[in-house]
PDB file of N, CA and C in Angstrom:
ATOM      1  N   UNK A   1      10.210  -3.191  -1.802  1.00  0.00           N
ATOM      2  CA  UNK A   1      11.919  -3.040  -1.780  1.00  0.00           C
ATOM      3  C   UNK A   1      12.239  -4.613  -1.110  1.00  0.00           C
ATOM      4  N   UNK A   2      11.853  -4.362   0.290  1.00  0.00           N
ATOM      5  CA  UNK A   2      12.254  -5.848   0.644  1.00  0.00           C
ATOM      6  C   UNK A   2      11.582  -6.777   1.040  1.00  0.00           C
ATOM      7  N   UNK A   3      10.197  -6.404   0.129  1.00  0.00           N
ATOM      8  CA  UNK A   3       8.909  -7.340  -0.034  1.00  0.00           C
ATOM      9  C   UNK A   3       8.304  -7.611   1.293  1.00  0.00           C
ATOM     10  N   UNK A   4       8.558  -7.088   2.208  1.00  0.00           N
ATOM     11  CA  UNK A   4       7.656  -7.383   3.545  1.00  0.00           C
ATOM     12  C   UNK A   4       6.326  -6.360   3.424  1.00  0.00           C
ATOM     13  N   UNK A   5       5.413  -6.558   4.244  1.00  0.00           N
ATOM     14  CA  UNK A   5       4.508  -6.348   4.179  1.00  0.00           C
ATOM     15  C   UNK A   5       4.006  -6.633   5.819  1.00  0.00           C
ATOM     16  N   UNK A   6       3.449  -5.703   6.580  1.00  0.00           N
ATOM     17  CA  UNK A   6       3.199  -5.795   8.064  1.00  0.00           C
ATOM     18  C   UNK A   6       1.686  -6.812   8.248  1.00  0.00           C
ATOM     19  N   UNK A   7       1.936  -7.373   8.841  1.00  0.00           N
ATOM     20  CA  UNK A   7       0.984  -8.524   9.020  1.00  0.00           C
ATOM     21  C   UNK A   7       0.412  -8.213  10.201  1.00  0.00           C
ATOM     22  N   UNK A   8      -1.109  -7.473  10.009  1.00  0.00           N
ATOM     23  CA  UNK A   8      -2.265  -7.005  11.087  1.00  0.00           C
ATOM     24  C   UNK A   8      -2.303  -8.209  12.140  1.00  0.00           C
ATOM     25  N   UNK A   9      -2.556  -8.940  11.703  1.00  0.00           N
ATOM     26  CA  UNK A   9      -2.792 -10.254  12.350  1.00  0.00           C
ATOM     27  C   UNK A   9      -1.708 -10.831  13.345  1.00  0.00           C
ATOM     28  N   UNK A  10      -0.468 -10.701  13.175  1.00  0.00           N
ATOM     29  CA  UNK A  10       0.791 -10.902  13.933  1.00  0.00           C
ATOM     30  C   UNK A  10       0.622  -9.809  14.974  1.00  0.00           C
ATOM     31  N   UNK A  11       0.491  -8.590  14.849  1.00  0.00           N
ATOM     32  CA  UNK A  11       0.449  -7.444  15.791  1.00  0.00           C
ATOM     33  C   UNK A  11      -0.394  -7.906  16.882  1.00  0.00           C
ATOM     34  N   UNK A  12      -1.366  -8.658  16.598  1.00  0.00           N
ATOM     35  CA  UNK A  12      -2.345  -9.027  17.988  1.00  0.00           C
ATOM     36  C   UNK A  12      -2.009 -10.736  18.046  1.00  0.00           C
ATOM     37  N   UNK A  13      -1.161 -11.212  18.266  1.00  0.00           N
ATOM     38  CA  UNK A  13      -0.827 -12.448  18.717  1.00  0.00           C
ATOM     39  C   UNK A  13      -0.161 -12.147  20.271  1.00  0.00           C
ATOM     40  N   UNK A  14      -0.117 -13.327  20.632  1.00  0.00           N
ATOM     41  CA  UNK A  14       0.306 -13.192  21.780  1.00  0.00           C
ATOM     42  C   UNK A  14       1.713 -13.023  22.084  1.00  0.00           C
ATOM     43  N   UNK A  15       2.538 -11.744  22.530  1.00  0.00           N
ATOM     44  CA  UNK A  15       3.661 -11.588  22.463  1.00  0.00           C
ATOM     45  C   UNK A  15       4.891 -12.562  22.451  1.00  0.00           C
ATOM     46  N   UNK A  16       4.731 -13.691  23.020  1.00  0.00           N
ATOM     47  CA  UNK A  16       5.434 -14.936  23.345  1.00  0.00           C
ATOM     48  C   UNK A  16       5.659 -15.816  21.958  1.00  0.00           C
ATOM     49  N   UNK A  17       4.209 -15.180  21.556  1.00  0.00           N
ATOM     50  CA  UNK A  17       4.436 -16.095  20.146  1.00  0.00           C
ATOM     51  C   UNK A  17       5.009 -15.815  18.954  1.00  0.00           C
ATOM     52  N   UNK A  18       5.087 -14.404  19.269  1.00  0.00           N
ATOM     53  CA  UNK A  18       5.677 -13.078  17.678  1.00  0.00           C
ATOM     54  C   UNK A  18       7.155 -13.234  17.968  1.00  0.00           C
ATOM     55  N   UNK A  19       7.515 -12.745  16.528  1.00  0.00           N
ATOM     56  CA  UNK A  19       9.144 -13.155  16.756  1.00  0.00           C
ATOM     57  C   UNK A  19       9.410 -10.876  16.574  1.00  0.00           C
ATOM     58  N   UNK A  20       8.638 -10.548  16.582  1.00  0.00           N
ATOM     59  CA  UNK A  20       8.745  -9.012  16.632  1.00  0.00           C
ATOM     60  C   UNK A  20       8.131  -8.510  18.069  1.00  0.00           C
ATOM     61  N   UNK A  21       9.033  -8.093  18.922  1.00  0.00           N
ATOM     62  CA  UNK A  21       8.339  -7.378  20.360  1.00  0.00           C
ATOM     63  C   UNK A  21       7.458  -6.285  19.873  1.00  0.00           C
ATOM     64  N   UNK A  22       6.570  -6.318  20.601  1.00  0.00           N
ATOM     65  CA  UNK A  22       5.280  -5.109  20.306  1.00  0.00           C
ATOM     66  C   UNK A  22       5.896  -4.050  20.323  1.00  0.00           C
ATOM     67  N   UNK A  23       6.820  -3.638  21.415  1.00  0.00           N
ATOM     68  CA  UNK A  23       7.487  -2.288  21.293  1.00  0.00           C
ATOM     69  C   UNK A  23       8.137  -1.782  20.419  1.00  0.00           C
ATOM     70  N   UNK A  24       8.318  -2.837  19.063  1.00  0.00           N
ATOM     71  CA  UNK A  24       9.065  -2.464  18.194  1.00  0.00           C
ATOM     72  C   UNK A  24       7.969  -2.414  17.002  1.00  0.00           C
ATOM     73  N   UNK A  25       7.197  -2.587  16.750  1.00  0.00           N
ATOM     74  CA  UNK A  25       6.109  -2.751  16.066  1.00  0.00           C
ATOM     75  C   UNK A  25       5.814  -1.232  15.068  1.00  0.00           C
ATOM     76  N   UNK A  26       5.753  -0.323  15.977  1.00  0.00           N
ATOM     77  CA  UNK A  26       5.795   1.167  15.389  1.00  0.00           C
ATOM     78  C   UNK A  26       6.933   2.002  14.449  1.00  0.00           C
ATOM     79  N   UNK A  27       7.954   1.552  14.999  1.00  0.00           N
ATOM     80  CA  UNK A  27       8.983   1.361  14.419  1.00  0.00           C
ATOM     81  C   UNK A  27       9.382   0.677  13.051  1.00  0.00           C
ATOM     82  N   UNK A  28       8.938  -0.588  12.810  1.00  0.00           N
ATOM     83  CA  UNK A  28       8.720  -1.624  12.082  1.00  0.00           C
ATOM     84  C   UNK A  28       8.199  -1.019  10.752  1.00  0.00           C
ATOM     85  N   UNK A  29       6.813  -0.594  11.077  1.00  0.00           N
ATOM     86  CA  UNK A  29       5.337  -0.262  10.618  1.00  0.00           C
ATOM     87  C   UNK A  29       5.833   0.798   9.612  1.00  0.00           C
ATOM     88  N   UNK A  30       6.625   1.704  10.374  1.00  0.00           N
ATOM     89  CA  UNK A  30       6.773   3.248  10.005  1.00  0.00           C
ATOM     90  C   UNK A  30       8.043   2.933   8.814  1.00  0.00           C
ATOM     91  N   UNK A  31       8.837   2.029   9.140  1.00  0.00           N
ATOM     92  CA  UNK A  31      10.087   1.659   8.181  1.00  0.00           C
ATOM     93  C   UNK A  31       9.470   0.892   6.729  1.00  0.00           C
ATOM     94  N   UNK A  32       8.339   0.098   7.286  1.00  0.00           N
ATOM     95  CA  UNK A  32       7.820  -0.893   6.061  1.00  0.00           C
ATOM     96  C   UNK A  32       6.833   0.347   5.419  1.00  0.00           C
ATOM     97  N   UNK A  33       6.529   1.273   5.526  1.00  0.00           N
ATOM     98  CA  UNK A  33       5.634   2.550   4.899  1.00  0.00           C
ATOM     99  C   UNK A  33       6.583   2.745   4.235  1.00  0.00           C
ATOM    100  N   UNK A  34       7.820   3.143   4.239  1.00  0.00           N
ATOM    101  CA  UNK A  34       8.745   3.874   3.466  1.00  0.00           C
ATOM    102  C   UNK A  34       9.776   3.477   2.845  1.00  0.00           C
ATOM    103  N   UNK A  35       9.731   2.152   3.062  1.00  0.00           N
ATOM    104  CA  UNK A  35      10.658   1.060   2.646  1.00  0.00           C
ATOM    105  C   UNK A  35      11.217   1.644   0.795  1.00  0.00           C
ATOM    106  N   UNK A  36      10.159   2.507   0.148  1.00  0.00           N
ATOM    107  CA  UNK A  36      10.514   2.362  -1.276  1.00  0.00           C
ATOM    108  C   UNK A  36      11.134   3.880  -1.383  1.00  0.00           C
ATOM    109  N   UNK A  37      11.676   4.364  -0.542  1.00  0.00           N
ATOM    110  CA  UNK A  37      11.977   6.007  -0.395  1.00  0.00           C
ATOM    111  C   UNK A  37      13.830   6.146  -0.112  1.00  0.00           C
ATOM    112  N   UNK A  38      14.356   5.438  -0.556  1.00  0.00           N
ATOM    113  CA  UNK A  38      15.805   5.150  -0.500  1.00  0.00           C
ATOM    114  C   UNK A  38      16.523   5.846  -1.558  1.00  0.00           C
ATOM    115  N   UNK A  39      17.558   6.596  -0.986  1.00  0.00           N
ATOM    116  CA  UNK A  39      18.675   7.600  -1.888  1.00  0.00           C
ATOM    117  C   UNK A  39      19.734   6.329  -2.216  1.00  0.00           C
ATOM    118  N   UNK A  40      20.331   6.295  -3.046  1.00  0.00           N
ATOM    119  CA  UNK A  40      21.429   5.490  -4.005  1.00  0.00           C
ATOM    120  C   UNK A  40      22.343   5.739  -4.785  1.00  0.00           C
ATOM    121  N   UNK A  41      23.709   5.739  -4.929  1.00  0.00           N
ATOM    122  CA  UNK A  41      24.333   6.257  -5.940  1.00  0.00           C
ATOM    123  C   UNK A  41      24.725   5.130  -7.026  1.00  0.00           C
ATOM    124  N   UNK A  42      24.958   5.546  -8.033  1.00  0.00           N
ATOM    125  CA  UNK A  42      25.134   4.483  -9.314  1.00  0.00           C
ATOM    126  C   UNK A  42      26.903   4.376  -8.995  1.00  0.00           C
ATOM    127  N   UNK A  43      27.382   3.226  -8.997  1.00  0.00           N
ATOM    128  CA  UNK A  43      28.765   3.222  -9.158  1.00  0.00           C
ATOM    129  C   UNK A  43      29.491   2.629 -10.627  1.00  0.00           C
ATOM    130  N   UNK A  44      30.344   3.027 -11.021  1.00  0.00           N
ATOM    131  CA  UNK A  44      30.705   2.450 -12.238  1.00  0.00           C
ATOM    132  C   UNK A  44      30.610   1.024 -13.094  1.00  0.00           C
ATOM    133  N   UNK A  45      30.575   0.340 -11.739  1.00  0.00           N
ATOM    134  CA  UNK A  45      30.412  -1.051 -12.208  1.00  0.00           C
ATOM    135  C   UNK A  45      28.938  -1.247 -12.524  1.00  0.00           C
ATOM    136  N   UNK A  46      28.043  -0.479 -12.472  1.00  0.00           N
ATOM    137  CA  UNK A  46      26.592  -0.507 -12.706  1.00  0.00           C
ATOM    138  C   UNK A  46      26.023  -1.198 -11.353  1.00  0.00           C
ATOM    139  N   UNK A  47      26.603  -1.332 -10.289  1.00  0.00           N
ATOM    140  CA  UNK A  47      26.182  -1.695  -8.875  1.00  0.00           C
ATOM    141  C   UNK A  47      25.644  -0.313  -8.268  1.00  0.00           C
ATOM    142  N   UNK A  48      24.924  -0.274  -7.293  1.00  0.00           N
ATOM    143  CA  UNK A  48      24.296   1.057  -6.450  1.00  0.00           C
ATOM    144  C   UNK A  48      25.001   0.885  -5.199  1.00  0.00           C
ATOM    145  N   UNK A  49      25.054   1.944  -4.636  1.00  0.00           N
ATOM    146  CA  UNK A  49      25.496   2.293  -3.259  1.00  0.00           C
ATOM    147  C   UNK A  49      24.323   3.126  -2.606  1.00  0.00           C
ATOM    148  N   UNK A  50      23.814   2.221  -1.420  1.00  0.00           N
ATOM    149  CA  UNK A  50      22.505   2.615  -0.901  1.00  0.00           C
ATOM    150  C   UNK A  50      23.239   3.946   0.220  1.00  0.00           C
ATOM    151  N   UNK A  51      22.577   4.852   0.242  1.00  0.00           N
ATOM    152  CA  UNK A  51      23.144   6.145   1.323  1.00  0.00           C
ATOM    153  C   UNK A  51      22.089   6.008   2.333  1.00  0.00           C
ATOM    154  N   UNK A  52      20.966   5.882   1.835  1.00  0.00           N
ATOM    155  CA  UNK A  52      19.778   5.838   3.423  1.00  0.00           C
ATOM    156  C   UNK A  52      18.501   6.371   2.682  1.00  0.00           C
ATOM    157  N   UNK A  53      17.825   6.906   3.450  1.00  0.00           N
ATOM    158  CA  UNK A  53      16.653   6.970   3.240  1.00  0.00           C
ATOM    159  C   UNK A  53      16.633   8.847   2.920  1.00  0.00           C
ATOM    160  N   UNK A  54      15.550   8.888   1.865  1.00  0.00           N
ATOM    161  CA  UNK A  54      15.162  10.032   1.766  1.00  0.00           C
ATOM    162  C   UNK A  54      14.290  10.978   2.533  1.00  0.00           C
ATOM    163  N   UNK A  55      15.075  11.828   3.845  1.00  0.00           N
ATOM    164  CA  UNK A  55      13.966  12.008   4.790  1.00  0.00           C
ATOM    165  C   UNK A  55      12.965  13.025   4.518  1.00  0.00           C
ATOM    166  N   UNK A  56      13.477  13.981   2.966  1.00  0.00           N
ATOM    167  CA  UNK A  56      12.401  14.646   2.554  1.00  0.00           C
ATOM    168  C   UNK A  56      11.135  14.013   2.184  1.00  0.00           C
ATOM    169  N   UNK A  57      11.247  12.749   1.818  1.00  0.00           N
ATOM    170  CA  UNK A  57       9.795  12.201   1.556  1.00  0.00           C
ATOM    171  C   UNK A  57       9.320  11.356   2.912  1.00  0.00           C
ATOM    172  N   UNK A  58      10.201  10.738   3.896  1.00  0.00           N
ATOM    173  CA  UNK A  58       9.766  10.038   4.692  1.00  0.00           C
ATOM    174  C   UNK A  58       8.918  10.666   5.711  1.00  0.00           C
ATOM    175  N   UNK A  59       9.166  11.871   5.928  1.00  0.00           N
ATOM    176  CA  UNK A  59       8.121  12.620   6.809  1.00  0.00           C
ATOM    177  C   UNK A  59       6.623  13.050   6.086  1.00  0.00           C
ATOM    178  N   UNK A  60       6.615  13.223   5.201  1.00  0.00           N
ATOM    179  CA  UNK A  60       5.063  13.182   4.557  1.00  0.00           C
ATOM    180  C   UNK A  60       4.295  11.997   4.434  1.00  0.00           C
ATOM    181  N   UNK A  61       5.201  10.852   4.013  1.00  0.00           N
ATOM    182  CA  UNK A  61       4.979   9.711   3.783  1.00  0.00           C
ATOM    183  C   UNK A  61       4.310   8.962   5.065  1.00  0.00           C
ATOM    184  N   UNK A  62       5.194   9.336   6.256  1.00  0.00           N
ATOM    185  CA  UNK A  62       4.405   9.000   7.457  1.00  0.00           C
ATOM    186  C   UNK A  62       2.911   9.732   7.964  1.00  0.00           C
ATOM    187  N   UNK A  63       3.499  10.679   7.551  1.00  0.00           N
ATOM    188  CA  UNK A  63       1.849  11.623   7.976  1.00  0.00           C
ATOM    189  C   UNK A  63       0.873  10.969   7.106  1.00  0.00           C
ATOM    190  N   UNK A  64       0.887  10.794   5.993  1.00  0.00           N
ATOM    191  CA  UNK A  64      -0.216  10.574   5.051  1.00  0.00           C
ATOM    192  C   UNK A  64      -0.696   8.992   5.160  1.00  0.00           C
ATOM    193  N   UNK A  65       0.612   8.433   5.796  1.00  0.00           N
ATOM    194  CA  UNK A  65       0.145   6.940   6.455  1.00  0.00           C
ATOM    195  C   UNK A  65      -0.577   6.930   7.880  1.00  0.00           C
ATOM    196  N   UNK A  66      -0.573   8.016   8.341  1.00  0.00           N
ATOM    197  CA  UNK A  66      -1.397   8.312   9.863  1.00  0.00           C
ATOM    198  C   UNK A  66      -0.373   7.747  10.770  1.00  0.00           C
ATOM    199  N   UNK A  67       1.123   7.689  10.332  1.00  0.00           N
ATOM    200  CA  UNK A  67       2.026   7.168  11.673  1.00  0.00           C
ATOM    201  C   UNK A  67       2.453   8.406  12.014  1.00  0.00           C
ATOM    202  N   UNK A  68       2.419   8.038  13.384  1.00  0.00           N
ATOM    203  CA  UNK A  68       3.121   9.462  14.045  1.00  0.00           C
ATOM    204  C   UNK A  68       4.489   9.238  15.413  1.00  0.00           C
ATOM    205  N   UNK A  69       5.391   8.867  15.366  1.00  0.00           N
ATOM    206  CA  UNK A  69       6.687   8.137  15.972  1.00  0.00           C
ATOM    207  C   UNK A  69       6.833   9.250  17.123  1.00  0.00           C
ATOM    208  N   UNK A  70       6.822   8.244  18.334  1.00  0.00           N
ATOM    209  CA  UNK A  70       7.858   8.958  19.279  1.00  0.00           C
ATOM    210  C   UNK A  70       8.876   9.234  18.948  1.00  0.00           C
ATOM    211  N   UNK A  71      10.127  10.137  20.219  1.00  0.00           N
ATOM    212  CA  UNK A  71      11.481  10.029  19.585  1.00  0.00           C
ATOM    213  C   UNK A  71      12.221   8.908  19.924  1.00  0.00           C
ATOM    214  N   UNK A  72      11.609   7.923  20.898  1.00  0.00           N
ATOM    215  CA  UNK A  72      12.288   6.422  21.015  1.00  0.00           C
ATOM    216  C   UNK A  72      11.715   5.625  19.810  1.00  0.00           C
ATOM    217  N   UNK A  73      10.191   5.847  19.484  1.00  0.00           N
ATOM    218  CA  UNK A  73       9.967   4.842  17.993  1.00  0.00           C
ATOM    219  C   UNK A  73      11.259   5.435  16.932  1.00  0.00           C
ATOM    220  N   UNK A  74      11.341   6.562  16.865  1.00  0.00           N
ATOM    221  CA  UNK A  74      12.450   7.839  15.807  1.00  0.00           C
ATOM    222  C   UNK A  74      13.166   6.884  16.024  1.00  0.00           C
ATOM    223  N   UNK A  75      13.971   6.565  17.011  1.00  0.00           N
ATOM    224  CA  UNK A  75      15.414   5.902  17.128  1.00  0.00           C
ATOM    225  C   UNK A  75      15.564   4.492  16.803  1.00  0.00           C
ATOM    226  N   UNK A  76      14.209   3.865  16.887  1.00  0.00           N
ATOM    227  CA  UNK A  76      14.017   2.427  16.392  1.00  0.00           C
ATOM    228  C   UNK A  76      13.927   2.388  15.269  1.00  0.00           C
ATOM    229  N   UNK A  77      13.290   3.473  14.559  1.00  0.00           N
ATOM    230  CA  UNK A  77      13.207   3.231  12.864  1.00  0.00           C
ATOM    231  C   UNK A  77      14.991   3.823  12.838  1.00  0.00           C
ATOM    232  N   UNK A  78      15.855   4.475  12.981  1.00  0.00           N
ATOM    233  CA  UNK A  78      16.884   4.896  12.430  1.00  0.00           C
ATOM    234  C   UNK A  78      18.036   3.403  12.835  1.00  0.00           C
ATOM    235  N   UNK A  79      17.617   2.905  13.993  1.00  0.00           N
ATOM    236  CA  UNK A  79      18.190   1.409  13.794  1.00  0.00           C
ATOM    237  C   UNK A  79      18.060   0.277  13.148  1.00  0.00           C
ATOM    238  N   UNK A  80      16.832   0.288  12.523  1.00  0.00           N
ATOM    239  CA  UNK A  80      16.240  -0.522  11.292  1.00  0.00           C
ATOM    240  C   UNK A  80      16.819  -0.033  10.197  1.00  0.00           C
ATOM    241  N   UNK A  81      16.604   1.181   9.881  1.00  0.00           N
ATOM    242  CA  UNK A  81      17.168   1.678   8.342  1.00  0.00           C
ATOM    243  C   UNK A  81      18.874   1.424   8.535  1.00  0.00           C
ATOM    244  N   UNK A  82      19.385   1.546   9.989  1.00  0.00           N
ATOM    245  CA  UNK A  82      21.164   1.747   9.616  1.00  0.00           C
ATOM    246  C   UNK A  82      21.482  -0.395   9.237  1.00  0.00           C
ATOM    247  N   UNK A  83      20.502  -1.040   9.933  1.00  0.00           N
ATOM    248  CA  UNK A  83      20.564  -2.343   9.777  1.00  0.00           C
ATOM    249  C   UNK A  83      20.456  -2.842   8.282  1.00  0.00           C
ATOM    250  N   UNK A  84      19.448  -2.210   7.452  1.00  0.00           N
ATOM    251  CA  UNK A  84      18.960  -2.427   6.107  1.00  0.00           C
ATOM    252  C   UNK A  84      20.170  -1.792   5.191  1.00  0.00           C
ATOM    253  N   UNK A  85      20.347  -0.776   4.963  1.00  0.00           N
ATOM    254  CA  UNK A  85      21.568   0.220   4.498  1.00  0.00           C
ATOM    255  C   UNK A  85      22.737  -1.000   4.304  1.00  0.00           C
ATOM    256  N   UNK A  86      22.890  -1.715   5.542  1.00  0.00           N
ATOM    257  CA  UNK A  86      24.640  -2.066   5.600  1.00  0.00           C
ATOM    258  C   UNK A  86      24.102  -3.380   4.845  1.00  0.00           C
ATOM    259  N   UNK A  87      22.661  -4.336   5.295  1.00  0.00           N
ATOM    260  CA  UNK A  87      22.516  -5.416   4.274  1.00  0.00           C
ATOM    261  C   UNK A  87      22.564  -5.007   3.005  1.00  0.00           C
ATOM    262  N   UNK A  88      22.038  -3.713   2.749  1.00  0.00           N
ATOM    263  CA  UNK A  88      21.901  -3.619   1.147  1.00  0.00           C
ATOM    264  C   UNK A  88      22.964  -3.570   0.483  1.00  0.00           C
ATOM    265  N   UNK A  89      23.669  -3.056   1.169  1.00  0.00           N
ATOM    266  CA  UNK A  89      25.511  -2.305   0.705  1.00  0.00           C
ATOM    267  C   UNK A  89      26.582  -3.975   0.682  1.00  0.00           C
ATOM    268  N   UNK A  90      25.979  -4.742   1.210  1.00  0.00           N
ATOM    269  CA  UNK A  90      26.843  -6.274   1.359  1.00  0.00           C
ATOM    270  C   UNK A  90      26.589  -7.080   0.060  1.00  0.00           C
ATOM    271  N   UNK A  91      25.881  -6.698  -0.917  1.00  0.00           N
ATOM    272  CA  UNK A  91      24.923  -7.387  -1.663  1.00  0.00           C
ATOM    273  C   UNK A  91      26.148  -7.478  -2.815  1.00  0.00           C
TER     274      UNK A  91
END
């Protein structure tokens, strides 16, 4: 959906050289793993209103990907989702 794939080489770079802070990588990796699991409403004009991620599919997808988020990482995940939803609905 967003055309992003986690760059595993970037995860091993010097933190000073990376645009993504190492502490945010678990949340970002989880978000990218479920980036196709959005709920949307069709509008009369043919556009979509993005509601948010479908959590009924997020949990099993994360489990199958072998990703286990801590509560703090889950909050980071939700922050990324909120920012993505805002950007999607600005189109």
